[in-house]
Amino acid sequence: MHVGMLTARMRGKPFDEVVKFAGENGIKAMEVDSRPGGHLDPKAVLADGGAAVKRLLEKHKVGISALAYFANMLEPDPKKREDAISGMKACIDAAKLLGVGVITTHAGFPMPGKDKYKTIEQDCPGVFKPIAQYAGERGVKLANEIWFATNLQNLEHFKLFFQVIPDPAIGLNYDPSHLYWQGIDLILGVDEFGKRIYHTHGKDCEVKQHVLRRVGSQDLRGWWRYVIPGFGNIAWGEYIGALRRVGYDGVISIEHEDAAVGAELGFIKGRQYLELFM
């Protein structure tokens, strides 16, 4: 197991500077923002066979854990959906060229007039079965982030999703912070879905109990915030131990959304803390 970083927090910096930063600060792998305007353009990778990116990675001795493409492939608008799926296919093709085995993404949002269960049952198969097949044929896996705003909010959603889409090419980008503040047992989730965890985010969560006692859990404003690992309430030793127990030996990719810490310092402090358990 090793520590990586999602590059999105450093979106204002050129990709070569981000790679240089990672190499100089002991971050072994990057989850590279591959959305429009991000650090990596899949079409540029396809145009030169990935040569420029490979040279840069070799120079700084850094790898890529995943290409991050967080587009809504369940867009209700047909043209937007077509564009999102086309972008995903370009990412998959770029990942194959670069020898990257994972695309991090998400399972879309509930369709208008439907809850998440109905969306998973009725709409997800038509989109995610073909894209999972496309990825699997190219040796790439799709890891859907378990972000509460998407269709994969809780363990029952995960269970239903894998029932209707059993293709092993599609799994989870497991982010414990999204489960923690909801009161969902994140260790139970690892135990139950460990074989479908293809990537994981290193993001902690601070719950402000004094605020929660005033506003209650139904008011979603202000009683929790996402922080750098080690600055919140998640028991990282227990979490990493659970990952080991189910055979996960990949990256813990720091997703930096902590407004109290600068970009570079946050990644450095997060790496230092997580490596205490590795």
C-alpha atoms as a PDB file:
ATOM      1  CA  MET A   1       0.000   0.000   0.000  1.00  0.00           C
ATOM      2  CA  HIS A   2       1.259   3.502  -0.772  1.00  0.00           C
ATOM      3  CA  VAL A   3       0.208   7.152  -0.583  1.00  0.00           C
ATOM      4  CA  GLY A   4      -0.893   9.130  -3.613  1.00  0.00           C
ATOM      5  CA  MET A   5      -2.688  12.372  -4.371  1.00  0.00           C
ATOM      6  CA  LEU A   6      -5.611  13.611  -6.439  1.00  0.00           C
ATOM      7  CA  THR A   7      -4.165  16.486  -8.446  1.00  0.00           C
ATOM      8  CA  ALA A   8      -7.392  18.534  -8.592  1.00  0.00           C
ATOM      9  CA  ARG A   9      -6.392  20.741  -5.626  1.00  0.00           C
ATOM     10  CA  MET A  10      -3.399  21.945  -7.671  1.00  0.00           C
ATOM     11  CA  ARG A  11      -5.426  22.636 -10.798  1.00  0.00           C
ATOM     12  CA  GLY A  12      -3.867  26.073 -11.227  1.00  0.00           C
ATOM     13  CA  LYS A  13      -0.377  24.629 -11.623  1.00  0.00           C
ATOM     14  CA  PRO A  14       1.032  23.099 -14.819  1.00  0.00           C
ATOM     15  CA  PHE A  15       1.159  19.312 -14.855  1.00  0.00           C
ATOM     16  CA  ASP A  16       4.959  19.203 -14.942  1.00  0.00           C
ATOM     17  CA  GLU A  17       5.110  21.240 -11.712  1.00  0.00           C
ATOM     18  CA  VAL A  18       2.608  18.926 -10.020  1.00  0.00           C
ATOM     19  CA  VAL A  19       4.617  15.846 -11.030  1.00  0.00           C
ATOM     20  CA  LYS A  20       7.815  17.504  -9.805  1.00  0.00           C
ATOM     21  CA  PHE A  21       6.149  18.323  -6.464  1.00  0.00           C
ATOM     22  CA  ALA A  22       4.971  14.737  -6.037  1.00  0.00           C
ATOM     23  CA  GLY A  23       8.402  13.307  -6.832  1.00  0.00           C
ATOM     24  CA  GLU A  24      10.208  15.652  -4.466  1.00  0.00           C
ATOM     25  CA  ASN A  25       7.817  14.999  -1.582  1.00  0.00           C
ATOM     26  CA  GLY A  26       7.588  11.220  -1.492  1.00  0.00           C
ATOM     27  CA  ILE A  27       4.178  10.908  -3.145  1.00  0.00           C
ATOM     28  CA  LYS A  28       4.455   7.773  -5.220  1.00  0.00           C
ATOM     29  CA  ALA A  29       1.366   7.998  -7.416  1.00  0.00           C
ATOM     30  CA  MET A  30      -1.049  10.576  -8.718  1.00  0.00           C
ATOM     31  CA  GLU A  31      -4.752  10.366  -9.423  1.00  0.00           C
ATOM     32  CA  VAL A  32      -4.649  12.764 -12.343  1.00  0.00           C
ATOM     33  CA  ASP A  33      -7.481  15.189 -12.995  1.00  0.00           C
ATOM     34  CA  SER A  34      -8.466  14.320 -16.562  1.00  0.00           C
ATOM     35  CA  ARG A  35     -11.583  16.437 -16.942  1.00  0.00           C
ATOM     36  CA  PRO A  36     -11.660  19.348 -19.409  1.00  0.00           C
ATOM     37  CA  GLY A  37      -9.259  21.953 -18.050  1.00  0.00           C
ATOM     38  CA  GLY A  38      -7.552  19.412 -15.800  1.00  0.00           C
ATOM     39  CA  HIS A  39      -3.955  18.237 -15.728  1.00  0.00           C
ATOM     40  CA  LEU A  40      -4.201  15.599 -18.428  1.00  0.00           C
ATOM     41  CA  ASP A  41      -5.980  15.772 -21.767  1.00  0.00           C
ATOM     42  CA  PRO A  42      -6.840  12.222 -22.898  1.00  0.00           C
ATOM     43  CA  LYS A  43      -6.943  13.333 -26.538  1.00  0.00           C
ATOM     44  CA  ALA A  44      -3.386  14.689 -26.302  1.00  0.00           C
ATOM     45  CA  VAL A  45      -2.264  11.391 -24.791  1.00  0.00           C
ATOM     46  CA  LEU A  46      -3.871   9.489 -27.645  1.00  0.00           C
ATOM     47  CA  ALA A  47      -2.287  11.802 -30.214  1.00  0.00           C
ATOM     48  CA  ASP A  48       1.308  11.102 -29.139  1.00  0.00           C
ATOM     49  CA  GLY A  49       0.855   7.607 -27.743  1.00  0.00           C
ATOM     50  CA  GLY A  50       1.435   8.851 -24.210  1.00  0.00           C
ATOM     51  CA  ALA A  51       5.107   9.587 -24.894  1.00  0.00           C
ATOM     52  CA  ALA A  52       5.237  13.036 -23.265  1.00  0.00           C
ATOM     53  CA  VAL A  53       3.489  11.912 -20.085  1.00  0.00           C
ATOM     54  CA  LYS A  54       5.649   8.798 -19.793  1.00  0.00           C
ATOM     55  CA  ARG A  55       8.845  10.869 -20.107  1.00  0.00           C
ATOM     56  CA  LEU A  56       7.673  13.257 -17.394  1.00  0.00           C
ATOM     57  CA  LEU A  57       6.752  10.456 -15.001  1.00  0.00           C
ATOM     58  CA  GLU A  58      10.050   8.685 -15.568  1.00  0.00           C
ATOM     59  CA  LYS A  59      11.992  11.887 -14.967  1.00  0.00           C
ATOM     60  CA  HIS A  60      10.450  12.403 -11.528  1.00  0.00           C
ATOM     61  CA  LYS A  61       9.963   8.721 -10.609  1.00  0.00           C
ATOM     62  CA  VAL A  62       6.218   9.089 -10.050  1.00  0.00           C
ATOM     63  CA  GLY A  63       3.406   6.798 -11.179  1.00  0.00           C
ATOM     64  CA  ILE A  64      -0.269   7.289 -11.982  1.00  0.00           C
ATOM     65  CA  SER A  65      -2.766   5.411  -9.810  1.00  0.00           C
ATOM     66  CA  ALA A  66      -5.785   6.507 -11.843  1.00  0.00           C
ATOM     67  CA  LEU A  67      -7.118   8.975 -14.351  1.00  0.00           C
ATOM     68  CA  ALA A  68      -9.896  10.986 -12.675  1.00  0.00           C
ATOM     69  CA  TYR A  69     -12.910  11.670 -14.871  1.00  0.00           C
ATOM     70  CA  PHE A  70     -15.849  12.781 -12.736  1.00  0.00           C
ATOM     71  CA  ALA A  71     -18.479  13.306 -15.412  1.00  0.00           C
ATOM     72  CA  ASN A  72     -22.169  12.493 -15.083  1.00  0.00           C
ATOM     73  CA  MET A  73     -22.770   9.719 -17.584  1.00  0.00           C
ATOM     74  CA  LEU A  74     -26.461   9.699 -16.565  1.00  0.00           C
ATOM     75  CA  GLU A  75     -27.067  13.220 -17.846  1.00  0.00           C
ATOM     76  CA  PRO A  76     -30.793  13.548 -18.650  1.00  0.00           C
ATOM     77  CA  ASP A  77     -29.941  15.609 -21.719  1.00  0.00           C
ATOM     78  CA  PRO A  78     -29.009  13.153 -24.525  1.00  0.00           C
ATOM     79  CA  LYS A  79     -26.274  15.359 -26.008  1.00  0.00           C
ATOM     80  CA  LYS A  80     -24.606  15.950 -22.635  1.00  0.00           C
ATOM     81  CA  ARG A  81     -24.813  12.231 -21.871  1.00  0.00           C
ATOM     82  CA  GLU A  82     -23.263  11.359 -25.223  1.00  0.00           C
ATOM     83  CA  ASP A  83     -20.419  13.828 -24.572  1.00  0.00           C
ATOM     84  CA  ALA A  84     -19.790  12.429 -21.069  1.00  0.00           C
ATOM     85  CA  ILE A  85     -19.655   8.840 -22.332  1.00  0.00           C
ATOM     86  CA  SER A  86     -17.412   9.819 -25.243  1.00  0.00           C
ATOM     87  CA  GLY A  87     -15.065  11.544 -22.801  1.00  0.00           C
ATOM     88  CA  MET A  88     -15.001   8.446 -20.626  1.00  0.00           C
ATOM     89  CA  LYS A  89     -14.081   6.236 -23.574  1.00  0.00           C
ATOM     90  CA  ALA A  90     -11.218   8.604 -24.453  1.00  0.00           C
ATOM     91  CA  CYS A  91     -10.026   8.369 -20.830  1.00  0.00           C
ATOM     92  CA  ILE A  92     -10.153   4.585 -20.946  1.00  0.00           C
ATOM     93  CA  ASP A  93      -8.160   4.510 -24.182  1.00  0.00           C
ATOM     94  CA  ALA A  94      -5.609   6.947 -22.722  1.00  0.00           C
ATOM     95  CA  ALA A  95      -5.326   4.846 -19.567  1.00  0.00           C
ATOM     96  CA  LYS A  96      -4.591   1.745 -21.649  1.00  0.00           C
ATOM     97  CA  LEU A  97      -1.830   3.593 -23.529  1.00  0.00           C
ATOM     98  CA  LEU A  98      -0.254   4.790 -20.290  1.00  0.00           C
ATOM     99  CA  GLY A  99      -0.532   1.427 -18.555  1.00  0.00           C
ATOM    100  CA  VAL A 100      -2.935   2.863 -15.952  1.00  0.00           C
ATOM    101  CA  GLY A 101      -5.382   0.282 -14.659  1.00  0.00           C
ATOM    102  CA  VAL A 102      -8.068   2.469 -13.075  1.00  0.00           C
ATOM    103  CA  ILE A 103     -10.389   5.350 -13.972  1.00  0.00           C
ATOM    104  CA  THR A 104     -11.944   7.116 -10.973  1.00  0.00           C
ATOM    105  CA  THR A 105     -15.424   8.433 -11.695  1.00  0.00           C
ATOM    106  CA  HIS A 106     -18.908   8.335 -10.159  1.00  0.00           C
ATOM    107  CA  ALA A 107     -22.211   6.584 -10.762  1.00  0.00           C
ATOM    108  CA  GLY A 108     -24.189   9.660 -11.761  1.00  0.00           C
ATOM    109  CA  PHE A 109     -27.012  11.461  -9.996  1.00  0.00           C
ATOM    110  CA  PRO A 110     -30.638  10.439  -9.476  1.00  0.00           C
ATOM    111  CA  MET A 111     -32.744  10.890 -12.565  1.00  0.00           C
ATOM    112  CA  PRO A 112     -35.535  13.502 -12.470  1.00  0.00           C
ATOM    113  CA  GLY A 113     -38.553  12.144 -10.635  1.00  0.00           C
ATOM    114  CA  LYS A 114     -36.708   9.068  -9.314  1.00  0.00           C
ATOM    115  CA  ASP A 115     -34.905   8.193  -6.127  1.00  0.00           C
ATOM    116  CA  LYS A 116     -31.481   6.551  -6.116  1.00  0.00           C
ATOM    117  CA  TYR A 117     -32.820   2.988  -5.899  1.00  0.00           C
ATOM    118  CA  LYS A 118     -35.038   3.398  -8.964  1.00  0.00           C
ATOM    119  CA  THR A 119     -32.262   5.154 -10.861  1.00  0.00           C
ATOM    120  CA  ILE A 120     -29.855   2.303 -10.122  1.00  0.00           C
ATOM    121  CA  GLU A 121     -32.384  -0.326 -11.173  1.00  0.00           C
ATOM    122  CA  GLN A 122     -33.819   1.379 -14.238  1.00  0.00           C
ATOM    123  CA  ASP A 123     -31.160   3.709 -15.638  1.00  0.00           C
ATOM    124  CA  CYS A 124     -27.692   2.650 -14.520  1.00  0.00           C
ATOM    125  CA  PRO A 125     -27.543  -0.698 -16.388  1.00  0.00           C
ATOM    126  CA  GLY A 126     -28.127   0.853 -19.798  1.00  0.00           C
ATOM    127  CA  VAL A 127     -25.147   3.191 -19.359  1.00  0.00           C
ATOM    128  CA  PHE A 128     -22.735   1.391 -17.071  1.00  0.00           C
ATOM    129  CA  LYS A 129     -22.924  -2.127 -18.497  1.00  0.00           C
ATOM    130  CA  PRO A 130     -21.623  -1.050 -21.931  1.00  0.00           C
ATOM    131  CA  ILE A 131     -18.961   1.266 -20.505  1.00  0.00           C
ATOM    132  CA  ALA A 132     -17.798  -1.438 -18.083  1.00  0.00           C
ATOM    133  CA  GLN A 133     -17.504  -3.865 -21.005  1.00  0.00           C
ATOM    134  CA  TYR A 134     -15.549  -1.252 -23.004  1.00  0.00           C
ATOM    135  CA  ALA A 135     -13.161  -0.749 -20.069  1.00  0.00           C
ATOM    136  CA  GLY A 136     -12.791  -4.440 -19.290  1.00  0.00           C
ATOM    137  CA  GLU A 137     -11.874  -5.272 -22.876  1.00  0.00           C
ATOM    138  CA  ARG A 138      -8.981  -2.813 -22.524  1.00  0.00           C
ATOM    139  CA  GLY A 139      -7.790  -4.027 -19.132  1.00  0.00           C
ATOM    140  CA  VAL A 140      -9.074  -0.959 -17.279  1.00  0.00           C
ATOM    141  CA  LYS A 141     -11.321  -0.839 -14.208  1.00  0.00           C
ATOM    142  CA  LEU A 142     -13.824   1.875 -13.299  1.00  0.00           C
ATOM    143  CA  ALA A 143     -13.886   2.980  -9.661  1.00  0.00           C
ATOM    144  CA  ASN A 144     -17.025   4.922  -8.704  1.00  0.00           C
ATOM    145  CA  GLU A 145     -16.566   7.328  -5.828  1.00  0.00           C
ATOM    146  CA  ILE A 146     -19.013   6.773  -2.983  1.00  0.00           C
ATOM    147  CA  TRP A 147     -19.995  10.441  -2.810  1.00  0.00           C
ATOM    148  CA  PHE A 148     -23.290  10.945  -1.011  1.00  0.00           C
ATOM    149  CA  ALA A 149     -24.711  13.228  -3.724  1.00  0.00           C
ATOM    150  CA  THR A 150     -24.447  10.461  -6.318  1.00  0.00           C
ATOM    151  CA  ASN A 151     -26.368   7.199  -6.659  1.00  0.00           C
ATOM    152  CA  LEU A 152     -23.820   5.368  -4.493  1.00  0.00           C
ATOM    153  CA  GLN A 153     -24.520   6.944  -1.108  1.00  0.00           C
ATOM    154  CA  ASN A 154     -24.817   3.976   1.256  1.00  0.00           C
ATOM    155  CA  LEU A 155     -24.178   0.242   1.513  1.00  0.00           C
ATOM    156  CA  GLU A 156     -27.634  -0.692   0.225  1.00  0.00           C
ATOM    157  CA  HIS A 157     -27.006   1.377  -2.896  1.00  0.00           C
ATOM    158  CA  PHE A 158     -23.674  -0.425  -3.424  1.00  0.00           C
ATOM    159  CA  LYS A 159     -25.371  -3.800  -3.023  1.00  0.00           C
ATOM    160  CA  LEU A 160     -28.114  -3.009  -5.528  1.00  0.00           C
ATOM    161  CA  PHE A 161     -25.672  -1.488  -8.027  1.00  0.00           C
ATOM    162  CA  PHE A 162     -23.560  -4.640  -8.109  1.00  0.00           C
ATOM    163  CA  GLN A 163     -26.654  -6.830  -8.353  1.00  0.00           C
ATOM    164  CA  VAL A 164     -27.807  -5.090 -11.534  1.00  0.00           C
ATOM    165  CA  ILE A 165     -24.261  -4.526 -12.884  1.00  0.00           C
ATOM    166  CA  PRO A 166     -22.157  -7.529 -11.814  1.00  0.00           C
ATOM    167  CA  ASP A 167     -19.343  -6.864 -14.326  1.00  0.00           C
ATOM    168  CA  PRO A 168     -16.055  -7.023 -12.341  1.00  0.00           C
ATOM    169  CA  ALA A 169     -14.638  -4.168 -14.434  1.00  0.00           C
ATOM    170  CA  ILE A 170     -16.682  -1.726 -12.351  1.00  0.00           C
ATOM    171  CA  GLY A 171     -16.205  -1.129  -8.647  1.00  0.00           C
ATOM    172  CA  LEU A 172     -15.614   1.517  -6.015  1.00  0.00           C
ATOM    173  CA  ASN A 173     -13.366   4.448  -5.289  1.00  0.00           C
ATOM    174  CA  TYR A 174     -13.868   4.103  -1.532  1.00  0.00           C
ATOM    175  CA  ASP A 175     -13.859   7.423   0.331  1.00  0.00           C
ATOM    176  CA  PRO A 176     -14.343   6.851   4.075  1.00  0.00           C
ATOM    177  CA  SER A 177     -15.055  10.530   4.772  1.00  0.00           C
ATOM    178  CA  HIS A 178     -18.395  10.418   2.949  1.00  0.00           C
ATOM    179  CA  LEU A 179     -19.572   7.487   5.042  1.00  0.00           C
ATOM    180  CA  TYR A 180     -18.247   8.760   8.370  1.00  0.00           C
ATOM    181  CA  TRP A 181     -20.390  11.865   8.831  1.00  0.00           C
ATOM    182  CA  GLN A 182     -23.513   9.980   7.728  1.00  0.00           C
ATOM    183  CA  GLY A 183     -23.019   7.453  10.527  1.00  0.00           C
ATOM    184  CA  ILE A 184     -22.475   4.588   8.082  1.00  0.00           C
ATOM    185  CA  ASP A 185     -20.118   1.817   9.210  1.00  0.00           C
ATOM    186  CA  LEU A 186     -17.150   2.304   6.886  1.00  0.00           C
ATOM    187  CA  ILE A 187     -15.388  -0.844   8.129  1.00  0.00           C
ATOM    188  CA  LEU A 188     -18.484  -2.951   7.441  1.00  0.00           C
ATOM    189  CA  GLY A 189     -18.435  -1.500   3.935  1.00  0.00           C
ATOM    190  CA  VAL A 190     -14.838  -2.608   3.436  1.00  0.00           C
ATOM    191  CA  ASP A 191     -15.624  -6.093   4.730  1.00  0.00           C
ATOM    192  CA  GLU A 192     -18.677  -6.449   2.477  1.00  0.00           C
ATOM    193  CA  PHE A 193     -17.402  -4.837  -0.713  1.00  0.00           C
ATOM    194  CA  GLY A 194     -13.634  -5.214  -0.371  1.00  0.00           C
ATOM    195  CA  LYS A 195     -13.226  -7.140  -3.600  1.00  0.00           C
ATOM    196  CA  ARG A 196     -14.834  -4.259  -5.493  1.00  0.00           C
ATOM    197  CA  ILE A 197     -12.595  -1.561  -3.985  1.00  0.00           C
ATOM    198  CA  TYR A 198     -10.258  -0.605  -6.831  1.00  0.00           C
ATOM    199  CA  HIS A 199      -9.068   2.747  -5.452  1.00  0.00           C
ATOM    200  CA  THR A 200      -9.494   4.667  -2.211  1.00  0.00           C
ATOM    201  CA  HIS A 201      -9.372   8.290  -1.167  1.00  0.00           C
ATOM    202  CA  GLY A 202      -7.384   9.536   1.786  1.00  0.00           C
ATOM    203  CA  LYS A 203      -9.761  12.163   3.114  1.00  0.00           C
ATOM    204  CA  ASP A 204     -10.649  12.646   6.768  1.00  0.00           C
ATOM    205  CA  CYS A 205     -13.750  14.140   8.317  1.00  0.00           C
ATOM    206  CA  GLU A 206     -14.144  16.353  11.364  1.00  0.00           C
ATOM    207  CA  VAL A 207     -17.553  16.249  13.014  1.00  0.00           C
ATOM    208  CA  LYS A 208     -18.286  19.289  15.175  1.00  0.00           C
ATOM    209  CA  GLN A 209     -20.406  17.747  17.890  1.00  0.00           C
ATOM    210  CA  HIS A 210     -21.313  21.071  19.512  1.00  0.00           C
ATOM    211  CA  VAL A 211     -22.821  22.278  16.223  1.00  0.00           C
ATOM    212  CA  LEU A 212     -24.525  18.936  15.513  1.00  0.00           C
ATOM    213  CA  ARG A 213     -26.248  19.073  18.912  1.00  0.00           C
ATOM    214  CA  ARG A 214     -27.720  22.456  17.992  1.00  0.00           C
ATOM    215  CA  VAL A 215     -28.905  21.827  14.433  1.00  0.00           C
ATOM    216  CA  GLY A 216     -29.324  18.034  14.196  1.00  0.00           C
ATOM    217  CA  SER A 217     -28.234  15.664  11.441  1.00  0.00           C
ATOM    218  CA  GLN A 218     -30.937  16.758   8.988  1.00  0.00           C
ATOM    219  CA  ASP A 219     -29.399  20.214   8.671  1.00  0.00           C
ATOM    220  CA  LEU A 220     -26.425  19.469   6.448  1.00  0.00           C
ATOM    221  CA  ARG A 221     -24.671  22.806   6.894  1.00  0.00           C
ATOM    222  CA  GLY A 222     -21.712  23.404   9.087  1.00  0.00           C
ATOM    223  CA  TRP A 223     -21.469  20.460  11.472  1.00  0.00           C
ATOM    224  CA  TRP A 224     -18.876  18.480   9.520  1.00  0.00           C
ATOM    225  CA  ARG A 225     -16.002  19.318   7.224  1.00  0.00           C
ATOM    226  CA  TYR A 226     -13.471  17.387   5.159  1.00  0.00           C
ATOM    227  CA  VAL A 227      -9.893  17.545   6.406  1.00  0.00           C
ATOM    228  CA  ILE A 228      -6.429  16.143   5.752  1.00  0.00           C
ATOM    229  CA  PRO A 229      -5.909  12.598   7.164  1.00  0.00           C
ATOM    230  CA  GLY A 230      -4.977  12.820  10.822  1.00  0.00           C
ATOM    231  CA  PHE A 231      -6.843  16.086  11.436  1.00  0.00           C
ATOM    232  CA  GLY A 232     -10.302  14.531  11.758  1.00  0.00           C
ATOM    233  CA  ASN A 233     -12.130  11.701  13.488  1.00  0.00           C
ATOM    234  CA  ILE A 234     -11.532   8.679  11.248  1.00  0.00           C
ATOM    235  CA  ALA A 235      -9.450   5.869  12.800  1.00  0.00           C
ATOM    236  CA  TRP A 236      -6.976   5.418   9.951  1.00  0.00           C
ATOM    237  CA  GLY A 237      -5.137   2.506  11.541  1.00  0.00           C
ATOM    238  CA  GLU A 238      -8.403   0.577  11.752  1.00  0.00           C
ATOM    239  CA  TYR A 239      -9.379   1.548   8.206  1.00  0.00           C
ATOM    240  CA  ILE A 240      -6.039   0.627   6.659  1.00  0.00           C
ATOM    241  CA  GLY A 241      -6.051  -2.616   8.643  1.00  0.00           C
ATOM    242  CA  ALA A 242      -9.477  -3.449   7.186  1.00  0.00           C
ATOM    243  CA  LEU A 243      -8.192  -2.760   3.668  1.00  0.00           C
ATOM    244  CA  ARG A 244      -5.271  -5.126   4.270  1.00  0.00           C
ATOM    245  CA  ARG A 245      -7.640  -7.771   5.599  1.00  0.00           C
ATOM    246  CA  VAL A 246      -9.617  -7.847   2.331  1.00  0.00           C
ATOM    247  CA  GLY A 247      -6.458  -7.912   0.215  1.00  0.00           C
ATOM    248  CA  TYR A 248      -6.310  -4.281  -0.934  1.00  0.00           C
ATOM    249  CA  ASP A 249      -2.709  -3.292  -1.658  1.00  0.00           C
ATOM    250  CA  GLY A 250      -3.123  -0.205  -3.822  1.00  0.00           C
ATOM    251  CA  VAL A 251      -3.037   3.535  -3.312  1.00  0.00           C
ATOM    252  CA  ILE A 252      -4.577   5.760  -0.674  1.00  0.00           C
ATOM    253  CA  SER A 253      -4.991   8.897  -2.741  1.00  0.00           C
ATOM    254  CA  ILE A 254      -5.193  12.106  -0.702  1.00  0.00           C
ATOM    255  CA  GLU A 255      -8.171  14.160  -1.826  1.00  0.00           C
ATOM    256  CA  HIS A 256      -7.360  17.593  -0.445  1.00  0.00           C
ATOM    257  CA  GLU A 257     -10.523  19.535   0.422  1.00  0.00           C
ATOM    258  CA  ASP A 258      -9.276  21.036   3.686  1.00  0.00           C
ATOM    259  CA  ALA A 259      -9.696  24.817   3.498  1.00  0.00           C
ATOM    260  CA  ALA A 260      -7.546  25.295   6.602  1.00  0.00           C
ATOM    261  CA  VAL A 261      -4.370  23.931   4.984  1.00  0.00           C
ATOM    262  CA  GLY A 262      -2.562  25.054   1.840  1.00  0.00           C
ATOM    263  CA  ALA A 263      -2.273  22.696  -1.103  1.00  0.00           C
ATOM    264  CA  GLU A 264       1.378  21.659  -0.790  1.00  0.00           C
ATOM    265  CA  LEU A 265       1.424  21.491   3.019  1.00  0.00           C
ATOM    266  CA  GLY A 266      -1.785  19.470   3.108  1.00  0.00           C
ATOM    267  CA  PHE A 267      -0.420  16.783   0.801  1.00  0.00           C
ATOM    268  CA  ILE A 268       2.852  16.621   2.733  1.00  0.00           C
ATOM    269  CA  LYS A 269       1.162  16.364   6.144  1.00  0.00           C
ATOM    270  CA  GLY A 270      -1.327  13.801   4.848  1.00  0.00           C
ATOM    271  CA  ARG A 271       1.433  11.615   3.422  1.00  0.00           C
ATOM    272  CA  GLN A 272       3.438  11.794   6.644  1.00  0.00           C
ATOM    273  CA  TYR A 273       0.443  10.745   8.719  1.00  0.00           C
ATOM    274  CA  LEU A 274      -0.806   7.932   6.501  1.00  0.00           C
ATOM    275  CA  GLU A 275       2.652   6.404   6.216  1.00  0.00           C
ATOM    276  CA  LEU A 276       2.614   5.800   9.986  1.00  0.00           C
ATOM    277  CA  PHE A 277       0.264   2.884   9.233  1.00  0.00           C
ATOM    278  CA  MET A 278       2.115   1.431   6.235  1.00  0.00           C
END
